C-alpha atoms as a PDB file:
ATOM      1  CA  UNK A   1      28.796 -14.189   2.846  1.00  0.00           C
ATOM      2  CA  UNK A   2      29.600 -11.174   0.652  1.00  0.00           C
ATOM      3  CA  UNK A   3      30.280  -7.691   1.906  1.00  0.00           C
ATOM      4  CA  UNK A   4      27.299  -5.443   2.471  1.00  0.00           C
ATOM      5  CA  UNK A   5      27.121  -2.529   0.064  1.00  0.00           C
ATOM      6  CA  UNK A   6      25.971   0.680   1.671  1.00  0.00           C
ATOM      7  CA  UNK A   7      24.271   3.344  -0.426  1.00  0.00           C
ATOM      8  CA  UNK A   8      25.271   6.966  -0.205  1.00  0.00           C
ATOM      9  CA  UNK A   9      22.658   9.590   0.629  1.00  0.00           C
ATOM     10  CA  UNK A  10      22.680  10.619  -3.037  1.00  0.00           C
ATOM     11  CA  UNK A  11      21.784   7.102  -4.145  1.00  0.00           C
ATOM     12  CA  UNK A  12      19.045   6.790  -1.543  1.00  0.00           C
ATOM     13  CA  UNK A  13      17.476  10.077  -2.643  1.00  0.00           C
ATOM     14  CA  UNK A  14      17.762   8.997  -6.282  1.00  0.00           C
ATOM     15  CA  UNK A  15      16.079   5.666  -5.458  1.00  0.00           C
ATOM     16  CA  UNK A  16      13.206   7.379  -3.643  1.00  0.00           C
ATOM     17  CA  UNK A  17      12.620   9.832  -6.490  1.00  0.00           C
ATOM     18  CA  UNK A  18      12.904   7.008  -9.023  1.00  0.00           C
ATOM     19  CA  UNK A  19      10.306   4.955  -7.159  1.00  0.00           C
ATOM     20  CA  UNK A  20       7.807   7.805  -7.164  1.00  0.00           C
ATOM     21  CA  UNK A  21       8.503   8.799 -10.770  1.00  0.00           C
ATOM     22  CA  UNK A  22       8.183   5.220 -12.008  1.00  0.00           C
ATOM     23  CA  UNK A  23       4.698   4.958 -10.569  1.00  0.00           C
ATOM     24  CA  UNK A  24       3.693   8.429 -11.757  1.00  0.00           C
ATOM     25  CA  UNK A  25       4.798   7.610 -15.293  1.00  0.00           C
ATOM     26  CA  UNK A  26       3.086   4.218 -15.348  1.00  0.00           C
ATOM     27  CA  UNK A  27      -0.006   5.482 -13.491  1.00  0.00           C
ATOM     28  CA  UNK A  28       0.024   2.348 -11.329  1.00  0.00           C
ATOM     29  CA  UNK A  29      -1.415   3.612  -8.059  1.00  0.00           C
ATOM     30  CA  UNK A  30      -3.571   6.207  -6.372  1.00  0.00           C
ATOM     31  CA  UNK A  31      -3.648   9.549  -8.226  1.00  0.00           C
ATOM     32  CA  UNK A  32      -0.260   9.015  -9.904  1.00  0.00           C
ATOM     33  CA  UNK A  33       1.519   8.827  -6.546  1.00  0.00           C
ATOM     34  CA  UNK A  34       2.962   5.963  -4.585  1.00  0.00           C
ATOM     35  CA  UNK A  35       1.766   4.673  -1.257  1.00  0.00           C
ATOM     36  CA  UNK A  36       4.340   5.082   1.506  1.00  0.00           C
ATOM     37  CA  UNK A  37       4.590   1.356   2.291  1.00  0.00           C
ATOM     38  CA  UNK A  38       5.130   0.532  -1.394  1.00  0.00           C
ATOM     39  CA  UNK A  39       7.846   3.183  -1.655  1.00  0.00           C
ATOM     40  CA  UNK A  40       9.629   1.806   1.403  1.00  0.00           C
ATOM     41  CA  UNK A  41       9.516  -1.692  -0.094  1.00  0.00           C
ATOM     42  CA  UNK A  42      10.741  -0.422  -3.484  1.00  0.00           C
ATOM     43  CA  UNK A  43      13.725   1.353  -1.939  1.00  0.00           C
ATOM     44  CA  UNK A  44      14.543  -1.528   0.446  1.00  0.00           C
ATOM     45  CA  UNK A  45      15.000   0.867   3.361  1.00  0.00           C
ATOM     46  CA  UNK A  46      14.116   0.387   6.990  1.00  0.00           C
ATOM     47  CA  UNK A  47      10.997   2.363   7.885  1.00  0.00           C
ATOM     48  CA  UNK A  48      12.823   4.766  10.221  1.00  0.00           C
ATOM     49  CA  UNK A  49      15.502   5.482   7.612  1.00  0.00           C
ATOM     50  CA  UNK A  50      12.924   5.991   4.863  1.00  0.00           C
ATOM     51  CA  UNK A  51      10.896   8.356   7.029  1.00  0.00           C
ATOM     52  CA  UNK A  52      13.990  10.431   7.772  1.00  0.00           C
ATOM     53  CA  UNK A  53      14.743  10.832   4.060  1.00  0.00           C
ATOM     54  CA  UNK A  54      11.102  11.443   3.122  1.00  0.00           C
ATOM     55  CA  UNK A  55      10.841  14.247   5.677  1.00  0.00           C
ATOM     56  CA  UNK A  56      14.063  15.866   4.455  1.00  0.00           C
ATOM     57  CA  UNK A  57      13.008  15.566   0.830  1.00  0.00           C
ATOM     58  CA  UNK A  58       9.580  17.038   1.531  1.00  0.00           C
ATOM     59  CA  UNK A  59      11.165  19.938   3.419  1.00  0.00           C
ATOM     60  CA  UNK A  60      13.523  20.519   0.469  1.00  0.00           C
ATOM     61  CA  UNK A  61      10.551  20.637  -1.907  1.00  0.00           C
ATOM     62  CA  UNK A  62      11.404  17.481  -3.888  1.00  0.00           C
ATOM     63  CA  UNK A  63       8.227  15.611  -2.948  1.00  0.00           C
ATOM     64  CA  UNK A  64       4.814  16.185  -1.421  1.00  0.00           C
ATOM     65  CA  UNK A  65       2.724  13.874   0.712  1.00  0.00           C
ATOM     66  CA  UNK A  66      -1.011  13.596   1.000  1.00  0.00           C
ATOM     67  CA  UNK A  67      -3.055  11.591   3.473  1.00  0.00           C
ATOM     68  CA  UNK A  68      -5.939   9.759   1.848  1.00  0.00           C
ATOM     69  CA  UNK A  69      -8.670   7.425   2.995  1.00  0.00           C
ATOM     70  CA  UNK A  70      -8.447   3.830   1.849  1.00  0.00           C
ATOM     71  CA  UNK A  71     -11.564   2.231   3.189  1.00  0.00           C
ATOM     72  CA  UNK A  72     -11.371   2.686   6.935  1.00  0.00           C
ATOM     73  CA  UNK A  73      -7.612   3.155   6.856  1.00  0.00           C
ATOM     74  CA  UNK A  74      -5.536   6.236   6.161  1.00  0.00           C
ATOM     75  CA  UNK A  75      -2.614   6.014   3.763  1.00  0.00           C
ATOM     76  CA  UNK A  76       0.092   8.470   2.798  1.00  0.00           C
ATOM     77  CA  UNK A  77       0.703   8.986  -0.914  1.00  0.00           C
ATOM     78  CA  UNK A  78       3.862  10.669  -2.223  1.00  0.00           C
ATOM     79  CA  UNK A  79       4.207  12.730  -5.394  1.00  0.00           C
ATOM     80  CA  UNK A  80       7.184  14.430  -6.994  1.00  0.00           C
ATOM     81  CA  UNK A  81       7.306  18.167  -7.524  1.00  0.00           C
ATOM     82  CA  UNK A  82       8.814  19.905 -10.560  1.00  0.00           C
ATOM     83  CA  UNK A  83      11.898  20.535  -8.390  1.00  0.00           C
ATOM     84  CA  UNK A  84      12.044  16.846  -7.468  1.00  0.00           C
ATOM     85  CA  UNK A  85      11.865  15.775 -11.114  1.00  0.00           C
ATOM     86  CA  UNK A  86      14.663  18.213 -11.964  1.00  0.00           C
ATOM     87  CA  UNK A  87      16.802  17.054  -9.021  1.00  0.00           C
ATOM     88  CA  UNK A  88      16.288  13.413 -10.010  1.00  0.00           C
ATOM     89  CA  UNK A  89      18.059  14.140 -13.304  1.00  0.00           C
ATOM     90  CA  UNK A  90      20.874  15.794 -11.349  1.00  0.00           C
ATOM     91  CA  UNK A  91      21.259  12.800  -9.029  1.00  0.00           C
ATOM     92  CA  UNK A  92      21.328  10.366 -11.956  1.00  0.00           C
ATOM     93  CA  UNK A  93      24.088  12.385 -13.618  1.00  0.00           C
ATOM     94  CA  UNK A  94      26.112  12.943 -10.438  1.00  0.00           C
ATOM     95  CA  UNK A  95      25.865   9.330  -9.295  1.00  0.00           C
ATOM     96  CA  UNK A  96      26.874   8.059 -12.754  1.00  0.00           C
ATOM     97  CA  UNK A  97      29.948  10.304 -12.668  1.00  0.00           C
ATOM     98  CA  UNK A  98      31.141   9.184  -9.246  1.00  0.00           C
ATOM     99  CA  UNK A  99      30.611   5.439  -9.638  1.00  0.00           C
END
């Protein structure tokens, strides 16, 4: 079995922003955002780890969350902010330089 490759915090944040931006650009889901469970699947993170990053990123102003009704269920939809879109470009550049 091969060695496990761990992602740095920078790469995880980049992946989360990329997942949201991809959906916003393609208009694939609810109101140009991405549903939390889809984002977690896209980033291949454990739920607890994803929630930790999502909270930090929301506090930093990179993303926003909105609770919406989906039938009888409630879902959380994430959107990027202008700051988040700007920071995504930074993370892409920084991560490309250090790889």
